[in-house]
């Protein structure tokens, strides 16, 4: 870690200890002849990325390794649409597997008891834990109300 910098693992802005932020009213977009979307944000260099890779930011090599890997099965232990994640209980009885909302395939939000198939991808930076990717609901839990991503509710 470089001296003068604080360790920060939240989505909040991390700045060096000597940085003085301008007042919000004094911030202006750079004067340039390019379209607005091509002008970099003055705060862009201060944001820390999430340590959990999403489908959008996962490297091509990590995605390729996951796609080539075996397909596992399990049961949805819990899933929170508002929190954006949940856990799968593997059929082989191993430890519960984390699943992020961006890795759910199909039209239904998973609920407790849904049977799912998935592949595994290591979570950086230590690459010791895994998360479920390419998660597909194979059988809806009987007697449960299921919601589509667009908000329609059905009974199974």
C-alpha atoms as a PDB file:
ATOM      1  CA  UNK A   1       0.000   0.000   0.000  1.00  0.00           C
ATOM      2  CA  UNK A   2       1.363   3.437  -0.885  1.00  0.00           C
ATOM      3  CA  UNK A   3       1.955   5.842   1.971  1.00  0.00           C
ATOM      4  CA  UNK A   4      -0.539   8.658   2.255  1.00  0.00           C
ATOM      5  CA  UNK A   5      -3.470   6.530   1.095  1.00  0.00           C
ATOM      6  CA  UNK A   6      -6.213   5.039   3.232  1.00  0.00           C
ATOM      7  CA  UNK A   7      -7.382   1.465   2.772  1.00  0.00           C
ATOM      8  CA  UNK A   8     -10.980   1.500   1.605  1.00  0.00           C
ATOM      9  CA  UNK A   9     -13.223  -1.404   0.609  1.00  0.00           C
ATOM     10  CA  UNK A  10     -16.552   0.339   0.246  1.00  0.00           C
ATOM     11  CA  UNK A  11     -18.174   1.849  -2.825  1.00  0.00           C
ATOM     12  CA  UNK A  12     -17.582   5.252  -1.229  1.00  0.00           C
ATOM     13  CA  UNK A  13     -14.966   7.607  -2.622  1.00  0.00           C
ATOM     14  CA  UNK A  14     -11.407   7.001  -1.368  1.00  0.00           C
ATOM     15  CA  UNK A  15      -9.054   9.937  -1.397  1.00  0.00           C
ATOM     16  CA  UNK A  16      -5.525  10.555  -0.238  1.00  0.00           C
ATOM     17  CA  UNK A  17      -5.273  12.222   3.162  1.00  0.00           C
ATOM     18  CA  UNK A  18      -3.937  15.419   1.601  1.00  0.00           C
ATOM     19  CA  UNK A  19      -6.706  15.775  -1.008  1.00  0.00           C
ATOM     20  CA  UNK A  20      -8.986  18.799  -0.650  1.00  0.00           C
ATOM     21  CA  UNK A  21     -12.332  18.414  -2.379  1.00  0.00           C
ATOM     22  CA  UNK A  22     -13.869  21.399  -4.168  1.00  0.00           C
ATOM     23  CA  UNK A  23     -17.304  22.599  -3.153  1.00  0.00           C
ATOM     24  CA  UNK A  24     -20.064  20.846  -5.175  1.00  0.00           C
ATOM     25  CA  UNK A  25     -21.203  24.116  -6.776  1.00  0.00           C
ATOM     26  CA  UNK A  26     -17.712  24.825  -8.099  1.00  0.00           C
ATOM     27  CA  UNK A  27     -17.419  21.569 -10.075  1.00  0.00           C
ATOM     28  CA  UNK A  28     -17.745  22.058 -13.827  1.00  0.00           C
ATOM     29  CA  UNK A  29     -17.430  19.732 -16.771  1.00  0.00           C
ATOM     30  CA  UNK A  30     -14.168  20.105 -18.676  1.00  0.00           C
ATOM     31  CA  UNK A  31     -14.329  22.575 -21.536  1.00  0.00           C
ATOM     32  CA  UNK A  32     -13.626  20.481 -24.611  1.00  0.00           C
ATOM     33  CA  UNK A  33     -14.895  20.109 -28.135  1.00  0.00           C
ATOM     34  CA  UNK A  34     -15.936  16.479 -27.673  1.00  0.00           C
ATOM     35  CA  UNK A  35     -19.378  15.121 -26.912  1.00  0.00           C
ATOM     36  CA  UNK A  36     -20.211  15.091 -23.195  1.00  0.00           C
ATOM     37  CA  UNK A  37     -19.910  11.294 -22.828  1.00  0.00           C
ATOM     38  CA  UNK A  38     -16.275  11.468 -23.972  1.00  0.00           C
ATOM     39  CA  UNK A  39     -15.255  13.963 -21.256  1.00  0.00           C
ATOM     40  CA  UNK A  40     -13.930  12.097 -18.214  1.00  0.00           C
ATOM     41  CA  UNK A  41     -15.510  12.758 -14.851  1.00  0.00           C
ATOM     42  CA  UNK A  42     -13.272  14.788 -12.518  1.00  0.00           C
ATOM     43  CA  UNK A  43     -14.006  12.219  -9.757  1.00  0.00           C
ATOM     44  CA  UNK A  44     -13.514   9.088 -11.878  1.00  0.00           C
ATOM     45  CA  UNK A  45      -9.972   8.394 -10.672  1.00  0.00           C
ATOM     46  CA  UNK A  46     -11.044   8.145  -7.026  1.00  0.00           C
ATOM     47  CA  UNK A  47     -13.560   5.293  -7.190  1.00  0.00           C
ATOM     48  CA  UNK A  48     -12.604   1.825  -5.962  1.00  0.00           C
ATOM     49  CA  UNK A  49     -14.097  -1.108  -7.924  1.00  0.00           C
ATOM     50  CA  UNK A  50     -16.087  -3.831  -6.196  1.00  0.00           C
ATOM     51  CA  UNK A  51     -13.981  -6.881  -5.278  1.00  0.00           C
ATOM     52  CA  UNK A  52     -16.767  -9.193  -6.565  1.00  0.00           C
ATOM     53  CA  UNK A  53     -16.636  -9.586 -10.319  1.00  0.00           C
ATOM     54  CA  UNK A  54     -19.915  -9.227 -12.152  1.00  0.00           C
ATOM     55  CA  UNK A  55     -20.712 -10.745 -15.504  1.00  0.00           C
ATOM     56  CA  UNK A  56     -19.976  -7.372 -17.073  1.00  0.00           C
ATOM     57  CA  UNK A  57     -16.526  -6.903 -15.519  1.00  0.00           C
ATOM     58  CA  UNK A  58     -15.304 -10.505 -15.276  1.00  0.00           C
ATOM     59  CA  UNK A  59     -12.249 -11.083 -17.441  1.00  0.00           C
ATOM     60  CA  UNK A  60     -12.581 -13.060 -20.650  1.00  0.00           C
ATOM     61  CA  UNK A  61     -10.291 -15.770 -19.270  1.00  0.00           C
ATOM     62  CA  UNK A  62     -12.376 -16.162 -16.073  1.00  0.00           C
ATOM     63  CA  UNK A  63     -15.571 -16.341 -18.121  1.00  0.00           C
ATOM     64  CA  UNK A  64     -14.030 -18.896 -20.491  1.00  0.00           C
ATOM     65  CA  UNK A  65     -12.823 -21.072 -17.587  1.00  0.00           C
ATOM     66  CA  UNK A  66     -16.301 -21.007 -16.027  1.00  0.00           C
ATOM     67  CA  UNK A  67     -17.973 -21.824 -19.366  1.00  0.00           C
ATOM     68  CA  UNK A  68     -15.676 -24.819 -19.892  1.00  0.00           C
ATOM     69  CA  UNK A  69     -16.198 -26.124 -16.364  1.00  0.00           C
ATOM     70  CA  UNK A  70     -18.676 -28.768 -15.223  1.00  0.00           C
ATOM     71  CA  UNK A  71     -22.346 -28.053 -14.532  1.00  0.00           C
ATOM     72  CA  UNK A  72     -23.402 -28.493 -10.902  1.00  0.00           C
ATOM     73  CA  UNK A  73     -26.879 -28.820  -9.404  1.00  0.00           C
ATOM     74  CA  UNK A  74     -28.317 -27.594  -6.152  1.00  0.00           C
ATOM     75  CA  UNK A  75     -31.255 -25.996  -4.401  1.00  0.00           C
ATOM     76  CA  UNK A  76     -31.754 -22.287  -3.795  1.00  0.00           C
ATOM     77  CA  UNK A  77     -31.288 -21.804  -0.056  1.00  0.00           C
ATOM     78  CA  UNK A  78     -32.183 -18.106  -0.116  1.00  0.00           C
ATOM     79  CA  UNK A  79     -32.200 -15.201  -2.548  1.00  0.00           C
ATOM     80  CA  UNK A  80     -32.901 -11.512  -1.933  1.00  0.00           C
ATOM     81  CA  UNK A  81     -33.806  -9.503  -4.998  1.00  0.00           C
ATOM     82  CA  UNK A  82     -33.396  -6.258  -3.049  1.00  0.00           C
ATOM     83  CA  UNK A  83     -29.915  -7.203  -1.807  1.00  0.00           C
ATOM     84  CA  UNK A  84     -28.986  -8.661  -5.191  1.00  0.00           C
ATOM     85  CA  UNK A  85     -27.597 -11.972  -4.012  1.00  0.00           C
ATOM     86  CA  UNK A  86     -28.330 -15.310  -2.397  1.00  0.00           C
ATOM     87  CA  UNK A  87     -26.948 -18.783  -1.721  1.00  0.00           C
ATOM     88  CA  UNK A  88     -27.263 -22.207  -3.312  1.00  0.00           C
ATOM     89  CA  UNK A  89     -27.057 -25.451  -1.331  1.00  0.00           C
ATOM     90  CA  UNK A  90     -25.102 -27.865  -3.586  1.00  0.00           C
ATOM     91  CA  UNK A  91     -26.581 -31.320  -4.243  1.00  0.00           C
ATOM     92  CA  UNK A  92     -23.249 -32.909  -3.303  1.00  0.00           C
ATOM     93  CA  UNK A  93     -23.535 -31.499   0.230  1.00  0.00           C
ATOM     94  CA  UNK A  94     -20.605 -29.067   0.104  1.00  0.00           C
ATOM     95  CA  UNK A  95     -20.537 -25.510   1.454  1.00  0.00           C
ATOM     96  CA  UNK A  96     -23.223 -23.065   0.330  1.00  0.00           C
ATOM     97  CA  UNK A  97     -22.320 -21.192  -2.861  1.00  0.00           C
ATOM     98  CA  UNK A  98     -22.769 -17.430  -3.297  1.00  0.00           C
ATOM     99  CA  UNK A  99     -24.822 -16.263  -6.303  1.00  0.00           C
ATOM    100  CA  UNK A 100     -25.047 -12.668  -7.576  1.00  0.00           C
ATOM    101  CA  UNK A 101     -28.185 -11.320  -9.244  1.00  0.00           C
ATOM    102  CA  UNK A 102     -26.268 -10.634 -12.487  1.00  0.00           C
ATOM    103  CA  UNK A 103     -25.522 -14.358 -12.895  1.00  0.00           C
ATOM    104  CA  UNK A 104     -29.166 -15.556 -12.871  1.00  0.00           C
ATOM    105  CA  UNK A 105     -30.381 -16.732 -16.287  1.00  0.00           C
ATOM    106  CA  UNK A 106     -34.059 -16.998 -17.240  1.00  0.00           C
ATOM    107  CA  UNK A 107     -37.243 -15.094 -16.486  1.00  0.00           C
ATOM    108  CA  UNK A 108     -37.912 -15.969 -12.818  1.00  0.00           C
ATOM    109  CA  UNK A 109     -36.434 -14.644  -9.585  1.00  0.00           C
ATOM    110  CA  UNK A 110     -35.185 -17.679  -7.601  1.00  0.00           C
ATOM    111  CA  UNK A 111     -36.956 -18.566  -4.335  1.00  0.00           C
ATOM    112  CA  UNK A 112     -36.130 -20.999  -1.553  1.00  0.00           C
ATOM    113  CA  UNK A 113     -36.511 -24.572  -2.773  1.00  0.00           C
ATOM    114  CA  UNK A 114     -35.997 -23.961  -6.504  1.00  0.00           C
ATOM    115  CA  UNK A 115     -33.727 -26.556  -8.116  1.00  0.00           C
ATOM    116  CA  UNK A 116     -30.928 -24.906 -10.084  1.00  0.00           C
ATOM    117  CA  UNK A 117     -27.983 -25.769 -12.297  1.00  0.00           C
ATOM    118  CA  UNK A 118     -24.850 -23.623 -12.314  1.00  0.00           C
ATOM    119  CA  UNK A 119     -21.146 -23.399 -13.024  1.00  0.00           C
ATOM    120  CA  UNK A 120     -18.444 -22.136 -10.663  1.00  0.00           C
ATOM    121  CA  UNK A 121     -16.067 -19.192 -10.954  1.00  0.00           C
ATOM    122  CA  UNK A 122     -13.337 -18.220  -8.460  1.00  0.00           C
ATOM    123  CA  UNK A 123     -13.721 -14.909  -6.612  1.00  0.00           C
ATOM    124  CA  UNK A 124     -10.659 -12.613  -6.738  1.00  0.00           C
ATOM    125  CA  UNK A 125      -8.359 -11.442  -5.326  1.00  0.00           C
ATOM    126  CA  UNK A 126      -7.334 -14.578  -3.394  1.00  0.00           C
ATOM    127  CA  UNK A 127      -9.186 -17.001  -5.687  1.00  0.00           C
ATOM    128  CA  UNK A 128      -9.989 -19.210  -2.675  1.00  0.00           C
ATOM    129  CA  UNK A 129     -13.796 -18.947  -2.709  1.00  0.00           C
ATOM    130  CA  UNK A 130     -16.183 -19.602  -5.581  1.00  0.00           C
ATOM    131  CA  UNK A 131     -19.445 -18.119  -6.767  1.00  0.00           C
ATOM    132  CA  UNK A 132     -22.167 -19.600  -8.944  1.00  0.00           C
ATOM    133  CA  UNK A 133     -22.398 -18.308 -12.519  1.00  0.00           C
ATOM    134  CA  UNK A 134     -24.728 -19.157 -15.414  1.00  0.00           C
ATOM    135  CA  UNK A 135     -27.408 -20.077 -12.847  1.00  0.00           C
ATOM    136  CA  UNK A 136     -30.579 -21.553 -14.364  1.00  0.00           C
ATOM    137  CA  UNK A 137     -33.713 -22.632 -12.501  1.00  0.00           C
ATOM    138  CA  UNK A 138     -34.403 -26.220 -13.606  1.00  0.00           C
ATOM    139  CA  UNK A 139     -37.507 -26.892 -11.427  1.00  0.00           C
ATOM    140  CA  UNK A 140     -39.644 -24.297  -9.653  1.00  0.00           C
ATOM    141  CA  UNK A 141     -40.325 -25.038  -5.990  1.00  0.00           C
ATOM    142  CA  UNK A 142     -43.842 -26.543  -5.790  1.00  0.00           C
ATOM    143  CA  UNK A 143     -46.458 -24.457  -4.005  1.00  0.00           C
ATOM    144  CA  UNK A 144     -44.369 -21.274  -4.119  1.00  0.00           C
ATOM    145  CA  UNK A 145     -45.248 -17.958  -5.700  1.00  0.00           C
ATOM    146  CA  UNK A 146     -42.686 -16.972  -8.289  1.00  0.00           C
ATOM    147  CA  UNK A 147     -42.037 -13.504  -9.630  1.00  0.00           C
ATOM    148  CA  UNK A 148     -40.680 -12.643 -13.046  1.00  0.00           C
ATOM    149  CA  UNK A 149     -37.943 -10.022 -13.295  1.00  0.00           C
ATOM    150  CA  UNK A 150     -40.590  -7.664 -14.703  1.00  0.00           C
ATOM    151  CA  UNK A 151     -42.738  -8.084 -11.562  1.00  0.00           C
ATOM    152  CA  UNK A 152     -45.493 -10.504 -12.642  1.00  0.00           C
ATOM    153  CA  UNK A 153     -46.384 -13.087  -9.965  1.00  0.00           C
ATOM    154  CA  UNK A 154     -47.323 -16.695 -10.790  1.00  0.00           C
ATOM    155  CA  UNK A 155     -48.007 -19.762  -8.652  1.00  0.00           C
ATOM    156  CA  UNK A 156     -46.175 -23.010  -9.368  1.00  0.00           C
END
